[in-house]
Amino acid sequence: MQLSGFYWKTALPNQILPIEMKFPSDLKYTKEHEWIRVEGAAAYVGITDFAQDQLGDVVYVEVDTVGETIEKDEPFGTVEAVKTTSELFMPVSGKVLEFNESLSESGGDDPTLVNTDPYGEGWIVKIQLTNPAEVEELMDAEAYQKLVG
């Protein structure tokens, strides 16, 4: 199941357009706008639809922490958009197993997947959970939608 909602975005001066954002219910969310999808002892992490919309066109994603264990709320990389660069924060403690090659310069070199498919092909890292109980401390889709709504 997936929650969705309409939000308003300024497209041009004096022009406000509705946009639909998605909030998949099988994910957990952070206040820093990362999501996590747990699959057994591993999990995938990315940024939310709301976050990618706020950033604008993503032009580069950097993760140099593969192989490292990162504590909850610590930075694990950065995402660069046309107008800004933002740190990425680990939603739970874990070992970074993999950086999505589709986003990297040495792989598919398509960081725009973060914009076009933030909950699917635009995932950023795969991690091994080191403290699975931390997942339950995160927001569900409904709580996250209230946070950004």
N, C-alpha and C. Protein backbone atom coordinates (compact mmCIF):
# COMPACT_ATOMS: atom_id res chain seq x y z
N MET A 1 0.84 -1.18 0.00
CA MET A 1 0.00 0.00 0.00
C MET A 1 0.88 1.24 0.00
N GLN A 2 0.38 2.28 -0.54
CA GLN A 2 1.13 3.52 -0.64
C GLN A 2 0.21 4.69 -0.35
N LEU A 3 0.66 5.55 0.54
CA LEU A 3 -0.07 6.79 0.78
C LEU A 3 0.42 7.81 -0.24
N SER A 4 -0.44 8.70 -0.62
CA SER A 4 0.00 9.80 -1.47
C SER A 4 -0.73 11.06 -1.04
N GLY A 5 -0.20 12.16 -1.45
CA GLY A 5 -0.83 13.42 -1.10
C GLY A 5 -0.44 14.48 -2.10
N PHE A 6 -1.23 15.51 -2.18
CA PHE A 6 -0.93 16.61 -3.07
C PHE A 6 -0.31 17.74 -2.28
N TYR A 7 0.74 18.32 -2.83
CA TYR A 7 1.43 19.44 -2.23
C TYR A 7 1.57 20.49 -3.30
N TRP A 8 1.81 21.70 -2.90
CA TRP A 8 1.87 22.80 -3.84
C TRP A 8 3.31 23.22 -4.05
N LYS A 9 3.64 23.48 -5.30
CA LYS A 9 5.00 23.87 -5.66
C LYS A 9 4.92 25.08 -6.57
N THR A 10 5.77 26.05 -6.30
CA THR A 10 5.84 27.23 -7.15
C THR A 10 6.64 26.88 -8.39
N ALA A 11 6.01 26.97 -9.55
CA ALA A 11 6.68 26.66 -10.81
C ALA A 11 7.31 27.91 -11.41
N LEU A 12 6.58 28.96 -11.46
CA LEU A 12 7.03 30.25 -11.98
C LEU A 12 6.49 31.32 -11.03
N PRO A 13 7.04 32.51 -11.07
CA PRO A 13 6.46 33.55 -10.21
C PRO A 13 4.95 33.65 -10.43
N ASN A 14 4.22 33.70 -9.36
CA ASN A 14 2.76 33.81 -9.38
C ASN A 14 2.06 32.59 -9.97
N GLN A 15 2.76 31.46 -10.07
CA GLN A 15 2.13 30.24 -10.57
C GLN A 15 2.44 29.11 -9.59
N ILE A 16 1.40 28.57 -8.98
CA ILE A 16 1.55 27.48 -8.03
C ILE A 16 0.85 26.26 -8.60
N LEU A 17 1.59 25.15 -8.66
CA LEU A 17 1.05 23.91 -9.23
C LEU A 17 0.98 22.82 -8.17
N PRO A 18 -0.05 21.98 -8.23
CA PRO A 18 -0.08 20.84 -7.31
C PRO A 18 0.85 19.74 -7.80
N ILE A 19 1.53 19.08 -6.88
CA ILE A 19 2.34 17.92 -7.22
C ILE A 19 1.93 16.78 -6.30
N GLU A 20 1.99 15.58 -6.80
CA GLU A 20 1.65 14.43 -5.99
C GLU A 20 2.92 13.77 -5.50
N MET A 21 3.01 13.57 -4.19
CA MET A 21 4.15 12.90 -3.60
C MET A 21 3.70 11.55 -3.07
N LYS A 22 4.62 10.60 -3.12
CA LYS A 22 4.32 9.25 -2.68
C LYS A 22 5.00 8.96 -1.35
N PHE A 23 4.33 8.14 -0.54
CA PHE A 23 4.82 7.75 0.78
C PHE A 23 4.59 6.24 0.94
N PRO A 24 5.45 5.40 0.35
CA PRO A 24 5.24 3.95 0.45
C PRO A 24 5.17 3.48 1.90
N SER A 25 4.17 2.65 2.18
CA SER A 25 3.94 2.22 3.56
C SER A 25 4.89 1.11 4.01
N ASP A 26 5.65 0.52 3.08
CA ASP A 26 6.59 -0.53 3.48
C ASP A 26 7.96 0.03 3.88
N LEU A 27 8.06 1.36 3.95
CA LEU A 27 9.31 2.01 4.31
C LEU A 27 9.19 2.68 5.67
N LYS A 28 10.33 2.99 6.25
CA LYS A 28 10.40 3.82 7.45
C LYS A 28 11.14 5.10 7.04
N TYR A 29 10.89 6.19 7.78
CA TYR A 29 11.38 7.51 7.39
C TYR A 29 12.06 8.24 8.54
N THR A 30 12.96 9.17 8.18
CA THR A 30 13.62 10.00 9.19
C THR A 30 13.19 11.46 9.03
N LYS A 31 13.45 12.25 10.05
CA LYS A 31 13.16 13.68 9.98
C LYS A 31 14.09 14.39 9.00
N GLU A 32 15.20 13.75 8.67
CA GLU A 32 16.15 14.32 7.71
C GLU A 32 15.80 13.92 6.28
N HIS A 33 14.67 13.22 6.10
CA HIS A 33 14.10 12.88 4.80
C HIS A 33 14.81 11.73 4.07
N GLU A 34 15.39 10.82 4.86
CA GLU A 34 15.86 9.56 4.29
C GLU A 34 14.80 8.50 4.53
N TRP A 35 14.81 7.47 3.69
CA TRP A 35 13.93 6.32 3.90
C TRP A 35 14.79 5.07 4.00
N ILE A 36 14.20 4.01 4.57
CA ILE A 36 14.88 2.73 4.66
C ILE A 36 13.87 1.62 4.40
N ARG A 37 14.30 0.64 3.61
CA ARG A 37 13.49 -0.55 3.33
C ARG A 37 14.29 -1.76 3.78
N VAL A 38 13.79 -2.45 4.81
CA VAL A 38 14.49 -3.59 5.39
C VAL A 38 14.11 -4.86 4.64
N GLU A 39 15.15 -5.63 4.29
CA GLU A 39 14.98 -6.93 3.64
C GLU A 39 15.87 -7.93 4.37
N GLY A 40 15.31 -8.56 5.40
CA GLY A 40 16.09 -9.48 6.21
C GLY A 40 17.07 -8.71 7.09
N ALA A 41 18.36 -9.11 7.03
CA ALA A 41 19.40 -8.44 7.82
C ALA A 41 20.00 -7.25 7.07
N ALA A 42 19.55 -7.05 5.85
CA ALA A 42 20.05 -5.94 5.03
C ALA A 42 18.94 -4.91 4.84
N ALA A 43 19.31 -3.75 4.33
CA ALA A 43 18.34 -2.71 4.08
C ALA A 43 18.86 -1.78 2.99
N TYR A 44 17.92 -1.15 2.29
CA TYR A 44 18.23 -0.15 1.27
C TYR A 44 17.86 1.22 1.84
N VAL A 45 18.68 2.23 1.51
CA VAL A 45 18.49 3.58 2.02
C VAL A 45 18.50 4.56 0.84
N GLY A 46 17.63 5.55 0.91
CA GLY A 46 17.60 6.60 -0.11
C GLY A 46 17.00 7.86 0.47
N ILE A 47 16.75 8.83 -0.40
CA ILE A 47 16.07 10.05 0.05
C ILE A 47 14.63 10.01 -0.43
N THR A 48 13.78 10.69 0.29
CA THR A 48 12.34 10.65 0.01
C THR A 48 11.96 11.48 -1.21
N ASP A 49 10.76 11.24 -1.67
CA ASP A 49 10.19 12.01 -2.77
C ASP A 49 10.17 13.49 -2.40
N PHE A 50 9.80 13.80 -1.16
CA PHE A 50 9.80 15.18 -0.68
C PHE A 50 11.20 15.79 -0.76
N ALA A 51 12.21 15.04 -0.31
CA ALA A 51 13.58 15.55 -0.31
C ALA A 51 14.08 15.83 -1.72
N GLN A 52 13.84 14.88 -2.63
CA GLN A 52 14.33 15.09 -3.99
C GLN A 52 13.63 16.29 -4.64
N ASP A 53 12.35 16.48 -4.31
CA ASP A 53 11.62 17.62 -4.85
C ASP A 53 12.20 18.93 -4.33
N GLN A 54 12.54 18.97 -3.05
CA GLN A 54 13.10 20.17 -2.45
C GLN A 54 14.50 20.47 -3.00
N LEU A 55 15.28 19.43 -3.27
CA LEU A 55 16.63 19.62 -3.80
C LEU A 55 16.62 20.09 -5.24
N GLY A 56 15.69 19.61 -6.02
CA GLY A 56 15.70 19.88 -7.45
C GLY A 56 16.50 18.82 -8.18
N ASP A 57 16.97 19.15 -9.36
CA ASP A 57 17.67 18.17 -10.20
C ASP A 57 18.97 17.72 -9.56
N VAL A 58 19.05 16.42 -9.26
CA VAL A 58 20.26 15.84 -8.67
C VAL A 58 21.28 15.61 -9.78
N VAL A 59 22.50 16.10 -9.56
CA VAL A 59 23.54 15.98 -10.58
C VAL A 59 24.69 15.07 -10.15
N TYR A 60 24.78 14.75 -8.85
CA TYR A 60 25.90 13.93 -8.37
C TYR A 60 25.56 13.36 -7.00
N VAL A 61 25.89 12.10 -6.79
CA VAL A 61 25.74 11.46 -5.49
C VAL A 61 27.10 10.88 -5.13
N GLU A 62 27.59 11.21 -3.94
CA GLU A 62 28.88 10.71 -3.49
C GLU A 62 28.72 9.90 -2.22
N VAL A 63 29.24 8.68 -2.26
CA VAL A 63 29.29 7.82 -1.09
C VAL A 63 30.68 7.20 -1.06
N ASP A 64 31.47 7.59 -0.07
CA ASP A 64 32.82 7.03 0.04
C ASP A 64 32.97 6.22 1.33
N THR A 65 31.83 5.71 1.82
CA THR A 65 31.82 4.98 3.10
C THR A 65 31.55 3.48 2.92
N VAL A 66 31.62 2.96 1.69
CA VAL A 66 31.40 1.52 1.48
C VAL A 66 32.44 0.75 2.29
N GLY A 67 31.95 -0.25 3.02
CA GLY A 67 32.81 -1.05 3.88
C GLY A 67 32.90 -0.54 5.31
N GLU A 68 32.42 0.66 5.55
CA GLU A 68 32.48 1.25 6.89
C GLU A 68 31.17 1.03 7.65
N THR A 69 31.28 0.96 8.97
CA THR A 69 30.11 0.91 9.83
C THR A 69 29.81 2.34 10.28
N ILE A 70 28.59 2.78 10.01
CA ILE A 70 28.18 4.16 10.31
C ILE A 70 27.08 4.10 11.36
N GLU A 71 27.20 4.94 12.38
CA GLU A 71 26.20 4.99 13.43
C GLU A 71 24.97 5.76 12.96
N LYS A 72 23.85 5.47 13.59
CA LYS A 72 22.59 6.17 13.30
C LYS A 72 22.80 7.68 13.39
N ASP A 73 22.22 8.40 12.44
CA ASP A 73 22.25 9.87 12.34
C ASP A 73 23.60 10.45 11.93
N GLU A 74 24.58 9.60 11.61
CA GLU A 74 25.87 10.09 11.14
C GLU A 74 25.86 10.18 9.61
N PRO A 75 26.62 11.11 9.02
CA PRO A 75 26.64 11.24 7.56
C PRO A 75 27.32 10.03 6.90
N PHE A 76 26.77 9.62 5.75
CA PHE A 76 27.38 8.53 4.98
C PHE A 76 27.68 8.94 3.54
N GLY A 77 27.30 10.16 3.16
CA GLY A 77 27.55 10.62 1.80
C GLY A 77 26.92 11.97 1.59
N THR A 78 26.93 12.40 0.32
CA THR A 78 26.31 13.67 -0.05
C THR A 78 25.55 13.52 -1.36
N VAL A 79 24.57 14.38 -1.51
CA VAL A 79 23.83 14.47 -2.77
C VAL A 79 23.94 15.92 -3.22
N GLU A 80 24.33 16.08 -4.49
CA GLU A 80 24.52 17.42 -5.04
C GLU A 80 23.45 17.70 -6.08
N ALA A 81 22.77 18.80 -5.92
CA ALA A 81 21.77 19.25 -6.88
C ALA A 81 22.31 20.50 -7.56
N VAL A 82 21.58 21.01 -8.52
CA VAL A 82 22.03 22.17 -9.27
C VAL A 82 22.34 23.34 -8.34
N LYS A 83 21.52 23.54 -7.31
CA LYS A 83 21.65 24.72 -6.46
C LYS A 83 22.28 24.47 -5.10
N THR A 84 22.43 23.19 -4.68
CA THR A 84 22.89 22.94 -3.31
C THR A 84 23.50 21.56 -3.18
N THR A 85 24.23 21.36 -2.10
CA THR A 85 24.74 20.06 -1.72
C THR A 85 24.22 19.75 -0.34
N SER A 86 23.78 18.50 -0.14
CA SER A 86 23.20 18.11 1.14
C SER A 86 23.83 16.81 1.62
N GLU A 87 24.10 16.75 2.93
CA GLU A 87 24.62 15.51 3.50
C GLU A 87 23.51 14.47 3.58
N LEU A 88 23.92 13.22 3.49
CA LEU A 88 23.02 12.07 3.67
C LEU A 88 23.31 11.47 5.04
N PHE A 89 22.26 11.21 5.82
CA PHE A 89 22.43 10.71 7.17
C PHE A 89 21.88 9.29 7.29
N MET A 90 22.62 8.44 7.97
CA MET A 90 22.24 7.04 8.15
C MET A 90 21.01 6.96 9.07
N PRO A 91 19.92 6.35 8.58
CA PRO A 91 18.71 6.27 9.41
C PRO A 91 18.84 5.31 10.60
N VAL A 92 19.70 4.30 10.47
CA VAL A 92 19.97 3.34 11.53
C VAL A 92 21.46 2.98 11.45
N SER A 93 21.98 2.41 12.51
CA SER A 93 23.38 1.98 12.49
C SER A 93 23.54 0.79 11.55
N GLY A 94 24.62 0.83 10.76
CA GLY A 94 24.84 -0.28 9.85
C GLY A 94 26.14 -0.17 9.09
N LYS A 95 26.52 -1.28 8.49
CA LYS A 95 27.71 -1.34 7.65
C LYS A 95 27.29 -1.11 6.20
N VAL A 96 27.92 -0.16 5.54
CA VAL A 96 27.59 0.14 4.15
C VAL A 96 28.18 -0.96 3.27
N LEU A 97 27.29 -1.72 2.65
CA LEU A 97 27.71 -2.85 1.81
C LEU A 97 27.91 -2.46 0.36
N GLU A 98 27.10 -1.52 -0.11
CA GLU A 98 27.09 -1.23 -1.54
C GLU A 98 26.55 0.17 -1.81
N PHE A 99 27.16 0.83 -2.78
CA PHE A 99 26.65 2.10 -3.32
C PHE A 99 25.99 1.75 -4.64
N ASN A 100 24.81 2.30 -4.88
CA ASN A 100 24.07 2.01 -6.10
C ASN A 100 24.89 2.43 -7.32
N GLU A 101 25.41 1.46 -8.04
CA GLU A 101 26.27 1.72 -9.19
C GLU A 101 25.56 2.52 -10.27
N SER A 102 24.26 2.43 -10.36
CA SER A 102 23.52 3.18 -11.37
C SER A 102 23.65 4.68 -11.17
N LEU A 103 23.96 5.10 -9.95
CA LEU A 103 24.10 6.53 -9.65
C LEU A 103 25.53 7.02 -9.81
N SER A 104 26.50 6.12 -9.74
CA SER A 104 27.91 6.53 -9.68
C SER A 104 28.48 6.85 -11.05
N GLU A 105 29.54 7.67 -11.03
CA GLU A 105 30.22 8.02 -12.27
C GLU A 105 30.85 6.80 -12.92
N SER A 106 31.32 5.86 -12.11
CA SER A 106 31.97 4.67 -12.66
C SER A 106 30.97 3.59 -13.09
N GLY A 107 29.71 3.78 -12.72
CA GLY A 107 28.67 2.81 -13.10
C GLY A 107 27.77 3.37 -14.17
N GLY A 108 26.51 3.48 -13.86
CA GLY A 108 25.53 3.98 -14.83
C GLY A 108 25.54 5.48 -15.02
N ASP A 109 26.15 6.21 -14.06
CA ASP A 109 26.26 7.67 -14.11
C ASP A 109 24.91 8.34 -14.36
N ASP A 110 23.90 7.91 -13.60
CA ASP A 110 22.56 8.49 -13.76
C ASP A 110 22.00 8.91 -12.40
N PRO A 111 22.55 9.98 -11.79
CA PRO A 111 22.06 10.41 -10.49
C PRO A 111 20.61 10.91 -10.54
N THR A 112 20.09 11.19 -11.74
CA THR A 112 18.71 11.65 -11.84
C THR A 112 17.71 10.58 -11.43
N LEU A 113 18.16 9.33 -11.29
CA LEU A 113 17.26 8.27 -10.78
C LEU A 113 16.75 8.62 -9.39
N VAL A 114 17.53 9.40 -8.64
CA VAL A 114 17.09 9.86 -7.32
C VAL A 114 15.85 10.73 -7.46
N ASN A 115 15.76 11.49 -8.55
CA ASN A 115 14.58 12.33 -8.80
C ASN A 115 13.43 11.52 -9.40
N THR A 116 13.72 10.70 -10.38
CA THR A 116 12.66 10.04 -11.14
C THR A 116 12.09 8.80 -10.46
N ASP A 117 12.88 8.14 -9.61
CA ASP A 117 12.44 6.91 -8.95
C ASP A 117 13.08 6.80 -7.56
N PRO A 118 12.77 7.75 -6.65
CA PRO A 118 13.49 7.79 -5.38
C PRO A 118 13.32 6.54 -4.51
N TYR A 119 12.21 5.82 -4.66
CA TYR A 119 11.97 4.65 -3.82
C TYR A 119 12.29 3.34 -4.53
N GLY A 120 12.72 3.41 -5.77
CA GLY A 120 13.03 2.21 -6.54
C GLY A 120 14.48 2.22 -6.99
N GLU A 121 14.68 2.47 -8.29
CA GLU A 121 16.03 2.47 -8.87
C GLU A 121 16.93 3.57 -8.32
N GLY A 122 16.35 4.55 -7.62
CA GLY A 122 17.14 5.65 -7.08
C GLY A 122 17.64 5.42 -5.66
N TRP A 123 17.59 4.18 -5.16
CA TRP A 123 18.15 3.91 -3.84
C TRP A 123 19.62 4.29 -3.85
N ILE A 124 20.17 4.61 -2.67
CA ILE A 124 21.54 5.12 -2.63
C ILE A 124 22.53 4.09 -2.09
N VAL A 125 22.24 3.50 -0.92
CA VAL A 125 23.15 2.49 -0.38
C VAL A 125 22.36 1.28 0.12
N LYS A 126 23.06 0.15 0.12
CA LYS A 126 22.57 -1.07 0.76
C LYS A 126 23.44 -1.25 2.00
N ILE A 127 22.79 -1.52 3.13
CA ILE A 127 23.53 -1.66 4.38
C ILE A 127 23.20 -2.99 5.06
N GLN A 128 24.09 -3.39 5.95
CA GLN A 128 23.84 -4.51 6.86
C GLN A 128 23.50 -3.89 8.21
N LEU A 129 22.32 -4.20 8.72
CA LEU A 129 21.89 -3.63 10.00
C LEU A 129 22.78 -4.13 11.14
N THR A 130 23.22 -3.21 11.99
CA THR A 130 23.99 -3.62 13.17
C THR A 130 23.15 -3.50 14.45
N ASN A 131 22.04 -2.77 14.37
CA ASN A 131 21.12 -2.65 15.50
C ASN A 131 19.70 -2.58 14.94
N PRO A 132 19.12 -3.74 14.58
CA PRO A 132 17.81 -3.75 13.93
C PRO A 132 16.70 -3.07 14.74
N ALA A 133 16.83 -3.01 16.05
CA ALA A 133 15.80 -2.39 16.88
C ALA A 133 15.63 -0.91 16.56
N GLU A 134 16.66 -0.27 16.01
CA GLU A 134 16.57 1.15 15.68
C GLU A 134 15.53 1.43 14.60
N VAL A 135 15.24 0.44 13.77
CA VAL A 135 14.25 0.63 12.71
C VAL A 135 12.90 1.02 13.29
N GLU A 136 12.54 0.42 14.41
CA GLU A 136 11.23 0.69 15.01
C GLU A 136 11.12 2.10 15.58
N GLU A 137 12.25 2.79 15.74
CA GLU A 137 12.24 4.17 16.25
C GLU A 137 11.91 5.19 15.15
N LEU A 138 11.93 4.74 13.89
CA LEU A 138 11.69 5.64 12.76
C LEU A 138 10.20 5.83 12.52
N MET A 139 9.88 6.84 11.70
CA MET A 139 8.48 7.14 11.39
C MET A 139 7.93 6.19 10.34
N ASP A 140 6.63 5.90 10.46
CA ASP A 140 5.95 5.18 9.39
C ASP A 140 5.49 6.21 8.36
N ALA A 141 4.89 5.73 7.26
CA ALA A 141 4.49 6.60 6.16
C ALA A 141 3.52 7.70 6.61
N GLU A 142 2.57 7.33 7.44
CA GLU A 142 1.58 8.31 7.89
C GLU A 142 2.21 9.43 8.71
N ALA A 143 3.10 9.06 9.61
CA ALA A 143 3.78 10.07 10.44
C ALA A 143 4.68 10.97 9.59
N TYR A 144 5.36 10.38 8.62
CA TYR A 144 6.23 11.18 7.76
C TYR A 144 5.41 12.14 6.90
N GLN A 145 4.29 11.67 6.40
CA GLN A 145 3.43 12.53 5.59
C GLN A 145 2.95 13.73 6.41
N LYS A 146 2.62 13.51 7.68
CA LYS A 146 2.24 14.61 8.55
C LYS A 146 3.38 15.59 8.77
N LEU A 147 4.60 15.05 8.88
CA LEU A 147 5.78 15.90 9.09
C LEU A 147 5.98 16.87 7.92
N VAL A 148 5.85 16.38 6.71
CA VAL A 148 6.11 17.23 5.54
C VAL A 148 4.88 17.95 5.03
N GLY A 149 3.71 17.56 5.54
CA GLY A 149 2.47 18.13 5.04
C GLY A 149 2.09 19.39 5.71
